[in-house]
Amino acid sequence: MGKRMSVTDQDHDSTDIVRFERVGAHVARVTLNRPRVRNAINAAMTQRLEECLRAVESEPTIRVAILAAAGDKAFCAGADLSVVAAGCGTTLMTPNGGFAGFVYAERSKPWIAAVQGFVLGGGLELSLACDMIVAADDALFGLPEPKRGVLAGAGGVYRLARALPRAIALEMLTTGSSIDAGRAYELGLVNRVVHSSRLAEEALALAELIAANAPLSVRESLAIGRIAAERHEEELRQLTAAAMERVLAGPDAVEGPLAFVEKRVPVWRS
C-alpha cells in the first residue's frame, strides 16, 4: 500500500528527510519527514532510515528509540507509488533491512512507534516491526492491500496475525478493513492511546521508563520476549538460562541490588 505522487516530487536535505535527534540522555527519536506526501517511503528515506537504525545500534548511550512521523494526517502512507510505477521499487528495500531499510533489520534495543492519522499498509508494517506502539486517538490501522490486488509483503500478513486474535487478524487481512485506535488498544495491538497533542510526550514517557532500567537486562529480556510465541518451552528455558548467565556476569547485577539497599538511583554500566 502506498501514496502516489509526482515522480518529480523532490525533497530537501537527505539527512532531514528522516530526522535523527537525541531526546534526553538515553533516548533517540527518528522522525519520518515527508508530511506533504503522508511520509510515503522513497529511496532517500530508505537509506536514511537504515542509517539512523545503525546509529541507534552503535551508540552505547542510546537505550531506546522512538519511530515517529511529521504531520498530523498520517504516520506513513507506505511506499511512494511513483517510485514503484517508475520500476524502481527495489530502491525502497535494503538487503539487511527490507522495506524502508527497517522492517527486517536486526535490532537489540527497544523501538517504540509513535503513530497518528493513517497507519495503513507499509505504515502499519513499520509499526509492527517496532516492539511497542503508542497511538494518537485519531489513528486508523489496516492493511488494505487486498483491495489493491497486492499483498502486505513487508511482514504485515504474519505480524498482524501474531499481534491480534486470529479471527480479527484474518478478517482484516482478507477484507482490507481498518480498526481505530480504541479498538486496537482493546485488542492489544497498541500499548497506549492518547490525544494527538500528547503523542510525543507519551511515547517519550514510555521510552524513559525503559531507559531507566539496566540496559543489558532490557536487551536480554527483549530478545527472548520477541521470540517467545514462536519457540518451544525447553528452548526458551535454555535461552533464558544463557541470558541469566550473561546478566549475572555484568556489573549491573551488583549495582541494582546495592542501589536498592542504599535507596538511590542505580548507575548502570552495561
Protein backbone atom coordinates (compact mmCIF):
# COMPACT_ATOMS: atom_id res chain seq x y z
CA MET A 1 0.00 0.00 0.00
CA GLY A 2 1.39 3.42 -0.81
CA LYS A 3 0.73 7.03 -1.59
CA ARG A 4 1.01 8.16 -5.21
CA MET A 5 2.59 11.49 -6.07
CA SER A 6 4.55 13.03 -8.90
CA VAL A 7 7.84 11.33 -9.63
CA THR A 8 9.34 14.81 -9.85
CA ASP A 9 8.48 15.46 -6.21
CA GLN A 10 11.85 16.34 -4.68
CA ASP A 11 12.75 16.51 -1.02
CA HIS A 12 15.01 18.73 0.97
CA ASP A 13 18.30 17.73 2.58
CA SER A 14 18.62 13.94 2.66
CA THR A 15 19.54 13.99 6.34
CA ASP A 16 16.34 15.91 7.08
CA ILE A 17 14.05 13.55 5.19
CA VAL A 18 14.35 11.27 8.22
CA ARG A 19 15.34 13.30 11.26
CA PHE A 20 17.54 11.88 14.00
CA GLU A 21 17.69 13.54 17.40
CA ARG A 22 18.54 12.76 20.99
CA VAL A 23 15.75 13.40 23.48
CA GLY A 24 17.08 13.03 26.97
CA ALA A 25 20.21 11.16 27.97
CA HIS A 26 19.36 7.74 26.62
CA VAL A 27 16.54 8.07 24.05
CA ALA A 28 16.74 8.71 20.31
CA ARG A 29 13.82 9.88 18.19
CA VAL A 30 13.78 9.06 14.47
CA THR A 31 11.14 11.05 12.56
CA LEU A 32 9.84 10.35 9.05
CA ASN A 33 9.72 13.80 7.48
CA ARG A 34 7.71 13.97 4.25
CA PRO A 35 4.40 15.16 5.70
CA ARG A 36 3.13 16.72 2.46
CA VAL A 37 3.01 13.21 0.91
CA ARG A 38 1.97 11.47 4.13
CA ASN A 39 5.52 10.31 4.77
CA ALA A 40 5.47 7.88 1.87
CA ILE A 41 8.73 5.97 1.68
CA ASN A 42 11.11 6.77 -1.17
CA ALA A 43 14.71 5.70 -1.83
CA ALA A 44 16.27 8.55 0.14
CA MET A 45 14.12 7.77 3.18
CA THR A 46 15.02 4.10 2.95
CA GLN A 47 18.75 4.79 3.02
CA ARG A 48 18.46 7.41 5.73
CA LEU A 49 16.22 5.28 7.97
CA GLU A 50 18.70 2.43 7.80
CA GLU A 51 21.49 4.87 8.70
CA CYS A 52 19.52 6.06 11.72
CA LEU A 53 18.87 2.50 12.82
CA ARG A 54 22.59 1.75 12.66
CA ALA A 55 23.30 4.88 14.68
CA VAL A 56 20.93 3.70 17.41
CA GLU A 57 22.54 0.27 17.49
CA SER A 58 26.12 1.55 17.54
CA GLU A 59 25.78 4.29 20.16
CA PRO A 60 26.12 2.76 23.65
CA THR A 61 24.40 5.65 25.42
CA ILE A 62 21.19 5.16 23.41
CA ARG A 63 18.99 2.62 25.17
CA VAL A 64 15.61 3.14 23.45
CA ALA A 65 14.45 4.57 20.12
CA ILE A 66 11.16 6.15 19.06
CA LEU A 67 9.98 5.97 15.44
CA ALA A 68 7.74 8.98 14.82
CA ALA A 69 6.42 10.96 11.85
CA ALA A 70 5.91 14.60 10.96
CA GLY A 71 2.45 15.98 10.21
CA ASP A 72 -0.95 15.04 11.55
CA LYS A 73 -2.56 13.29 8.57
CA ALA A 74 -0.63 10.05 8.55
CA PHE A 75 2.16 8.19 10.26
CA CYS A 76 3.20 6.70 6.91
CA ALA A 77 1.34 6.01 3.67
CA GLY A 78 3.64 3.11 2.78
CA ALA A 79 5.63 3.01 -0.43
CA ASP A 80 5.94 6.02 -2.71
CA LEU A 81 3.96 4.65 -5.66
CA SER A 82 5.64 6.98 -8.14
CA VAL A 83 8.87 5.14 -7.40
CA VAL A 84 7.15 1.79 -7.87
CA ALA A 85 5.46 2.95 -11.08
CA ALA A 86 8.84 4.04 -12.43
CA GLY A 87 10.12 0.49 -11.99
CA CYS A 88 12.37 1.42 -9.09
CA GLY A 89 10.59 -0.41 -6.31
CA THR A 90 13.76 -2.23 -5.27
CA THR A 91 15.21 1.10 -4.11
CA LEU A 92 12.66 1.02 -1.27
CA MET A 93 14.37 -2.00 0.24
CA THR A 94 17.81 -2.81 1.57
CA PRO A 95 19.46 -6.25 1.83
CA ASN A 96 19.57 -6.21 5.63
CA GLY A 97 16.54 -4.11 6.49
CA GLY A 98 13.95 -4.98 3.88
CA PHE A 99 11.25 -2.38 3.20
CA ALA A 100 12.33 1.13 4.26
CA GLY A 101 15.61 -0.34 5.48
CA PHE A 102 13.76 -1.16 8.68
CA VAL A 103 11.13 -3.92 8.80
CA TYR A 104 13.55 -6.88 8.83
CA ALA A 105 16.59 -5.20 10.38
CA GLU A 106 18.14 -6.82 13.43
CA ARG A 107 17.76 -4.60 16.49
CA SER A 108 18.96 -5.27 20.01
CA LYS A 109 17.32 -2.22 21.56
CA PRO A 110 13.60 -1.48 22.04
CA TRP A 111 11.78 0.61 19.43
CA ILE A 112 8.52 2.41 20.10
CA ALA A 113 6.32 3.52 17.20
CA ALA A 114 4.52 6.83 17.88
CA VAL A 115 1.70 6.91 15.32
CA GLN A 116 -1.12 9.21 14.27
CA GLY A 117 -3.66 9.50 11.47
CA PHE A 118 -3.49 6.80 8.80
CA VAL A 119 -1.34 3.83 9.81
CA LEU A 120 -2.06 1.74 6.75
CA GLY A 121 -0.17 -0.67 4.52
CA GLY A 122 3.56 -0.10 4.79
CA GLY A 123 2.93 2.33 7.63
CA LEU A 124 1.38 -0.42 9.72
CA GLU A 125 4.20 -2.76 8.72
CA LEU A 126 6.74 -0.25 10.06
CA SER A 127 4.75 -0.06 13.30
CA LEU A 128 4.53 -3.84 13.61
CA ALA A 129 8.30 -4.05 13.17
CA CYS A 130 8.67 -1.98 16.35
CA ASP A 131 8.30 -3.52 19.81
CA MET A 132 5.61 -1.20 21.15
CA ILE A 133 3.10 1.26 19.73
CA VAL A 134 1.82 4.50 21.25
CA ALA A 135 -1.11 5.82 19.24
CA ALA A 136 -2.93 9.10 18.92
CA ASP A 137 -6.68 8.72 19.34
CA ASP A 138 -7.20 9.55 15.66
CA ALA A 139 -5.02 6.68 14.43
CA LEU A 140 -6.50 4.19 11.95
CA PHE A 141 -4.82 0.80 11.45
CA GLY A 142 -5.16 -1.53 8.49
CA LEU A 143 -3.66 -3.46 5.61
CA PRO A 144 -5.77 -2.52 2.57
CA GLU A 145 -3.51 -4.37 0.11
CA PRO A 146 -6.18 -6.94 -0.89
CA LYS A 147 -8.30 -4.04 -2.16
CA ARG A 148 -5.45 -3.12 -4.50
CA GLY A 149 -4.70 -6.67 -5.69
CA VAL A 150 -1.41 -6.89 -3.80
CA LEU A 151 -0.09 -8.30 -0.54
CA ALA A 152 1.28 -6.82 2.68
CA GLY A 153 4.61 -8.43 1.96
CA ALA A 154 6.84 -6.46 4.35
CA GLY A 155 5.88 -8.59 7.34
CA GLY A 156 2.32 -7.36 7.66
CA VAL A 157 0.47 -10.58 6.89
CA TYR A 158 2.15 -12.59 9.63
CA ARG A 159 3.00 -9.90 12.19
CA LEU A 160 -0.60 -8.70 12.31
CA ALA A 161 -1.72 -12.31 12.78
CA ARG A 162 0.68 -12.63 15.72
CA ALA A 163 -0.36 -9.34 17.27
CA LEU A 164 -4.14 -9.82 17.15
CA PRO A 165 -6.61 -12.61 17.95
CA ARG A 166 -6.74 -15.00 14.99
CA ALA A 167 -10.29 -14.26 13.85
CA ILE A 168 -9.80 -10.48 13.95
CA ALA A 169 -6.48 -10.66 12.12
CA LEU A 170 -7.87 -12.89 9.40
CA GLU A 171 -10.84 -10.58 8.89
CA MET A 172 -8.54 -7.58 8.50
CA LEU A 173 -6.16 -9.46 6.20
CA THR A 174 -8.89 -10.67 3.87
CA THR A 175 -11.24 -7.68 3.85
CA GLY A 176 -8.64 -4.91 3.97
CA SER A 177 -10.75 -3.24 6.65
CA SER A 178 -9.31 -0.98 9.34
CA ILE A 179 -9.71 -0.52 13.08
CA ASP A 180 -9.47 2.67 15.09
CA ALA A 181 -7.09 3.37 17.95
CA GLY A 182 -9.58 2.45 20.66
CA ARG A 183 -10.28 -0.94 19.13
CA ALA A 184 -6.56 -1.50 18.54
CA TYR A 185 -5.93 -0.86 22.23
CA GLU A 186 -8.70 -3.22 23.30
CA LEU A 187 -7.20 -5.97 21.13
CA GLY A 188 -3.67 -5.42 22.41
CA LEU A 189 -2.20 -4.07 19.17
CA VAL A 190 -1.12 -0.82 20.81
CA ASN A 191 0.23 -0.08 24.29
CA ARG A 192 -1.24 3.36 24.89
CA VAL A 193 -3.76 5.72 23.29
CA VAL A 194 -3.61 9.45 23.95
CA HIS A 195 -4.86 12.68 22.43
CA SER A 196 -2.76 13.63 19.42
CA SER A 197 -1.40 16.66 21.29
CA ARG A 198 0.22 14.31 23.81
CA LEU A 199 1.58 11.69 21.43
CA ALA A 200 5.25 12.74 21.55
CA GLU A 201 5.10 13.25 25.30
CA GLU A 202 3.57 9.82 25.96
CA ALA A 203 5.99 7.97 23.68
CA LEU A 204 8.91 9.67 25.40
CA ALA A 205 7.49 8.82 28.83
CA LEU A 206 7.34 5.13 27.89
CA ALA A 207 10.85 5.27 26.43
CA GLU A 208 12.23 6.85 29.58
CA LEU A 209 10.64 4.17 31.75
CA ILE A 210 12.55 1.59 29.74
CA ALA A 211 15.76 3.63 29.61
CA ALA A 212 15.80 3.88 33.41
CA ASN A 213 16.34 0.12 33.67
CA ALA A 214 19.57 -1.84 33.32
CA PRO A 215 20.43 -1.85 29.59
CA LEU A 216 21.74 -5.42 29.47
CA SER A 217 18.71 -6.73 31.37
CA VAL A 218 16.41 -4.92 28.94
CA ARG A 219 18.21 -6.22 25.85
CA GLU A 220 18.30 -9.82 27.06
CA SER A 221 14.65 -9.75 28.15
CA LEU A 222 13.63 -8.18 24.85
CA ALA A 223 15.49 -10.76 22.78
CA ILE A 224 13.65 -13.64 24.46
CA GLY A 225 10.31 -11.86 24.62
CA ARG A 226 10.39 -11.20 20.87
CA ILE A 227 10.57 -14.92 20.03
CA ALA A 228 8.63 -16.39 22.96
CA ALA A 229 5.48 -17.11 20.96
CA GLU A 230 7.42 -18.98 18.27
CA ARG A 231 9.67 -21.28 20.32
CA HIS A 232 9.15 -24.36 22.46
CA GLU A 233 9.32 -24.21 26.25
CA GLU A 234 12.56 -26.17 26.52
CA GLU A 235 14.37 -23.95 24.05
CA LEU A 236 13.16 -20.85 25.86
CA ARG A 237 14.41 -22.25 29.17
CA GLN A 238 17.85 -22.77 27.67
CA LEU A 239 17.91 -19.30 26.15
CA THR A 240 16.80 -17.80 29.47
CA ALA A 241 19.50 -19.68 31.39
CA ALA A 242 22.17 -18.42 28.98
CA ALA A 243 20.83 -14.87 29.21
CA MET A 244 20.83 -15.09 33.01
CA GLU A 245 24.49 -16.04 32.98
CA ARG A 246 25.36 -13.03 30.86
CA VAL A 247 23.34 -10.67 33.05
CA LEU A 248 24.78 -12.01 36.32
CA ALA A 249 28.31 -11.71 34.93
CA GLY A 250 27.81 -8.00 34.30
CA PRO A 251 28.25 -5.09 36.71
CA ASP A 252 24.59 -4.14 36.81
CA ALA A 253 23.62 -7.33 38.65
CA VAL A 254 25.61 -5.98 41.59
CA GLU A 255 24.70 -2.32 41.14
CA GLY A 256 20.93 -2.90 41.02
CA PRO A 257 20.52 -4.61 44.41
CA LEU A 258 23.11 -2.31 46.00
CA ALA A 259 21.31 0.82 44.81
CA PHE A 260 18.02 -0.58 46.12
CA VAL A 261 19.51 -1.22 49.57
CA GLU A 262 21.15 2.21 49.63
CA LYS A 263 17.92 3.87 48.46
CA ARG A 264 19.50 5.64 45.49
CA VAL A 265 19.18 5.69 41.71
CA PRO A 266 21.35 2.97 40.15
CA VAL A 267 24.22 3.89 37.85
CA TRP A 268 24.15 1.31 35.08
CA ARG A 269 27.35 0.35 33.30
CA SER A 270 26.26 -2.34 30.83
